């Protein structure tokens, strides 16, 4: 093992270990945030009142789910 490999192993061992559950929560949060961004973009372009209402409800739901992931 050369010095470079030794340093890489040292750096990897200093990184916090992420559990599968933490990885799953992170993926879920990222998915929710992407959905929120999509809904926000659609809401910005929506003109029909019923569709806007539906998007606003979806946005509220997504924001609640994101807050619960913290």
N, C-alpha and C. Protein backbone atom coordinates (compact mmCIF):
# COMPACT_ATOMS: atom_id res chain seq x y z
N UNK A 1 0.86 -1.18 0.00
CA UNK A 1 0.00 0.00 0.00
C UNK A 1 0.90 1.23 0.00
N UNK A 2 0.67 2.12 -0.96
CA UNK A 2 1.49 3.32 -1.01
C UNK A 2 0.84 4.42 -0.17
N UNK A 3 1.47 5.56 -0.13
CA UNK A 3 1.01 6.66 0.72
C UNK A 3 -0.37 7.15 0.28
N UNK A 4 -0.61 7.23 -1.03
CA UNK A 4 -1.91 7.68 -1.54
C UNK A 4 -3.03 6.76 -1.09
N UNK A 5 -2.82 5.46 -1.21
CA UNK A 5 -3.84 4.49 -0.78
C UNK A 5 -4.06 4.59 0.72
N UNK A 6 -2.98 4.79 1.45
CA UNK A 6 -3.09 4.92 2.90
C UNK A 6 -3.93 6.13 3.28
N UNK A 7 -3.72 7.26 2.60
CA UNK A 7 -4.48 8.47 2.88
C UNK A 7 -5.96 8.28 2.53
N UNK A 8 -6.24 7.59 1.41
CA UNK A 8 -7.63 7.34 1.01
C UNK A 8 -8.35 6.51 2.07
N UNK A 9 -7.69 5.49 2.58
CA UNK A 9 -8.29 4.65 3.61
C UNK A 9 -8.51 5.46 4.87
N UNK A 10 -7.56 6.33 5.20
CA UNK A 10 -7.68 7.16 6.39
C UNK A 10 -8.86 8.12 6.26
N UNK A 11 -9.01 8.75 5.12
CA UNK A 11 -10.11 9.68 4.90
C UNK A 11 -11.44 8.94 4.94
N UNK A 12 -11.54 7.78 4.31
CA UNK A 12 -12.78 7.00 4.32
C UNK A 12 -13.17 6.58 5.73
N UNK A 13 -12.19 6.27 6.55
CA UNK A 13 -12.50 5.83 7.91
C UNK A 13 -12.97 6.98 8.78
N UNK A 14 -12.65 8.22 8.38
CA UNK A 14 -13.08 9.39 9.14
C UNK A 14 -14.49 9.83 8.78
N UNK A 15 -15.00 9.39 7.63
CA UNK A 15 -16.35 9.75 7.22
C UNK A 15 -17.37 9.05 8.11
N UNK A 16 -18.44 9.75 8.46
CA UNK A 16 -19.48 9.11 9.28
C UNK A 16 -20.15 7.98 8.49
N UNK A 17 -20.45 6.92 9.19
CA UNK A 17 -21.10 5.78 8.55
C UNK A 17 -22.60 6.07 8.44
N UNK A 18 -23.13 5.88 7.25
CA UNK A 18 -24.54 6.14 6.99
C UNK A 18 -25.26 4.80 6.93
N UNK A 19 -26.30 4.68 7.73
CA UNK A 19 -27.05 3.43 7.77
C UNK A 19 -27.98 3.34 6.55
N UNK A 20 -28.42 2.15 6.21
CA UNK A 20 -29.38 2.01 5.11
C UNK A 20 -30.67 2.80 5.36
N UNK A 21 -31.09 2.89 6.61
CA UNK A 21 -32.29 3.65 6.95
C UNK A 21 -32.09 5.13 6.67
N UNK A 22 -30.89 5.64 7.01
CA UNK A 22 -30.59 7.05 6.74
C UNK A 22 -30.54 7.31 5.23
N UNK A 23 -29.98 6.37 4.50
CA UNK A 23 -29.93 6.51 3.04
C UNK A 23 -31.34 6.54 2.46
N UNK A 24 -32.20 5.67 2.96
CA UNK A 24 -33.58 5.62 2.47
C UNK A 24 -34.32 6.92 2.78
N UNK A 25 -34.14 7.45 3.99
CA UNK A 25 -34.78 8.72 4.35
C UNK A 25 -34.27 9.85 3.46
N UNK A 26 -32.97 9.84 3.18
CA UNK A 26 -32.40 10.88 2.32
C UNK A 26 -32.99 10.79 0.91
N UNK A 27 -33.10 9.58 0.38
CA UNK A 27 -33.69 9.41 -0.96
C UNK A 27 -35.14 9.86 -0.98
N UNK A 28 -35.88 9.53 0.08
CA UNK A 28 -37.28 9.94 0.16
C UNK A 28 -37.40 11.46 0.21
N UNK A 29 -36.56 12.09 1.02
CA UNK A 29 -36.57 13.55 1.12
C UNK A 29 -36.24 14.20 -0.22
N UNK A 30 -35.21 13.68 -0.90
CA UNK A 30 -34.84 14.23 -2.20
C UNK A 30 -35.98 14.08 -3.20
N UNK A 31 -36.66 12.95 -3.17
CA UNK A 31 -37.79 12.72 -4.06
C UNK A 31 -38.92 13.71 -3.77
N UNK A 32 -39.20 13.92 -2.50
CA UNK A 32 -40.24 14.88 -2.12
C UNK A 32 -39.88 16.30 -2.55
N UNK A 33 -38.60 16.66 -2.40
CA UNK A 33 -38.16 18.00 -2.79
C UNK A 33 -38.26 18.19 -4.30
N UNK A 34 -37.95 17.15 -5.06
CA UNK A 34 -38.10 17.24 -6.52
C UNK A 34 -39.57 17.38 -6.90
N UNK A 35 -40.42 16.64 -6.22
CA UNK A 35 -41.86 16.74 -6.48
C UNK A 35 -42.37 18.13 -6.14
N UNK A 36 -41.89 18.68 -5.03
CA UNK A 36 -42.30 20.03 -4.63
C UNK A 36 -41.88 21.05 -5.70
N UNK A 37 -40.66 20.92 -6.21
CA UNK A 37 -40.19 21.84 -7.24
C UNK A 37 -41.05 21.74 -8.50
N UNK A 38 -41.42 20.52 -8.88
CA UNK A 38 -42.26 20.32 -10.06
C UNK A 38 -43.63 20.97 -9.85
N UNK A 39 -44.22 20.75 -8.66
CA UNK A 39 -45.54 21.32 -8.38
C UNK A 39 -45.46 22.84 -8.35
N UNK A 40 -44.39 23.40 -7.79
CA UNK A 40 -44.23 24.85 -7.76
C UNK A 40 -44.14 25.42 -9.17
N UNK A 41 -43.41 24.73 -10.05
CA UNK A 41 -43.30 25.18 -11.44
C UNK A 41 -44.65 25.12 -12.14
N UNK A 42 -45.39 24.04 -11.92
CA UNK A 42 -46.71 23.91 -12.54
C UNK A 42 -47.67 24.96 -11.99
N UNK A 43 -47.55 25.24 -10.69
CA UNK A 43 -48.41 26.24 -10.07
C UNK A 43 -48.14 27.63 -10.65
N UNK A 44 -46.89 27.92 -10.93
CA UNK A 44 -46.53 29.22 -11.50
C UNK A 44 -47.15 29.41 -12.88
N UNK A 45 -47.35 28.32 -13.60
CA UNK A 45 -47.88 28.42 -14.96
C UNK A 45 -49.38 28.15 -15.03
N UNK A 46 -49.97 27.64 -13.97
CA UNK A 46 -51.38 27.25 -14.00
C UNK A 46 -52.30 28.47 -14.01
N UNK A 47 -53.35 28.38 -14.81
CA UNK A 47 -54.32 29.48 -14.87
C UNK A 47 -55.73 29.05 -14.45
N UNK A 48 -56.03 27.78 -14.59
CA UNK A 48 -57.37 27.30 -14.24
C UNK A 48 -57.51 27.23 -12.72
N UNK A 49 -58.53 27.85 -12.14
CA UNK A 49 -58.69 27.89 -10.68
C UNK A 49 -58.73 26.52 -10.00
N UNK A 50 -59.42 25.57 -10.60
CA UNK A 50 -59.52 24.25 -9.98
C UNK A 50 -58.17 23.53 -9.99
N UNK A 51 -57.44 23.69 -11.07
CA UNK A 51 -56.11 23.07 -11.17
C UNK A 51 -55.16 23.72 -10.18
N UNK A 52 -55.23 25.05 -10.06
CA UNK A 52 -54.38 25.76 -9.09
C UNK A 52 -54.68 25.28 -7.67
N UNK A 53 -55.96 25.11 -7.37
CA UNK A 53 -56.36 24.64 -6.05
C UNK A 53 -55.79 23.25 -5.76
N UNK A 54 -55.86 22.40 -6.75
CA UNK A 54 -55.31 21.04 -6.61
C UNK A 54 -53.80 21.09 -6.39
N UNK A 55 -53.12 21.93 -7.14
CA UNK A 55 -51.66 22.06 -7.00
C UNK A 55 -51.30 22.64 -5.63
N UNK A 56 -52.07 23.60 -5.15
CA UNK A 56 -51.81 24.18 -3.83
C UNK A 56 -51.97 23.14 -2.74
N UNK A 57 -52.98 22.28 -2.87
CA UNK A 57 -53.17 21.20 -1.90
C UNK A 57 -52.00 20.22 -1.96
N UNK A 58 -51.56 19.89 -3.16
CA UNK A 58 -50.43 18.98 -3.32
C UNK A 58 -49.17 19.59 -2.72
N UNK A 59 -48.97 20.88 -2.93
CA UNK A 59 -47.80 21.56 -2.38
C UNK A 59 -47.82 21.54 -0.86
N UNK A 60 -48.98 21.77 -0.27
CA UNK A 60 -49.10 21.71 1.19
C UNK A 60 -48.78 20.33 1.72
N UNK A 61 -49.29 19.32 1.04
CA UNK A 61 -49.02 17.94 1.45
C UNK A 61 -47.52 17.64 1.38
N UNK A 62 -46.89 18.02 0.28
CA UNK A 62 -45.45 17.76 0.12
C UNK A 62 -44.63 18.49 1.18
N UNK A 63 -45.00 19.72 1.48
CA UNK A 63 -44.26 20.47 2.49
C UNK A 63 -44.40 19.83 3.87
N UNK A 64 -45.57 19.29 4.18
CA UNK A 64 -45.76 18.58 5.45
C UNK A 64 -44.87 17.33 5.50
N UNK A 65 -44.85 16.59 4.40
CA UNK A 65 -44.03 15.36 4.34
C UNK A 65 -42.55 15.70 4.47
N UNK A 66 -42.11 16.77 3.83
CA UNK A 66 -40.70 17.18 3.91
C UNK A 66 -40.36 17.58 5.34
N UNK A 67 -41.24 18.32 5.99
CA UNK A 67 -41.01 18.73 7.37
C UNK A 67 -40.92 17.51 8.29
N UNK A 68 -41.71 16.49 8.01
CA UNK A 68 -41.69 15.27 8.83
C UNK A 68 -40.42 14.46 8.64
N UNK A 69 -39.73 14.67 7.53
CA UNK A 69 -38.49 13.93 7.25
C UNK A 69 -37.29 14.49 8.00
N UNK A 70 -37.42 15.66 8.56
CA UNK A 70 -36.27 16.29 9.22
C UNK A 70 -35.95 15.66 10.53
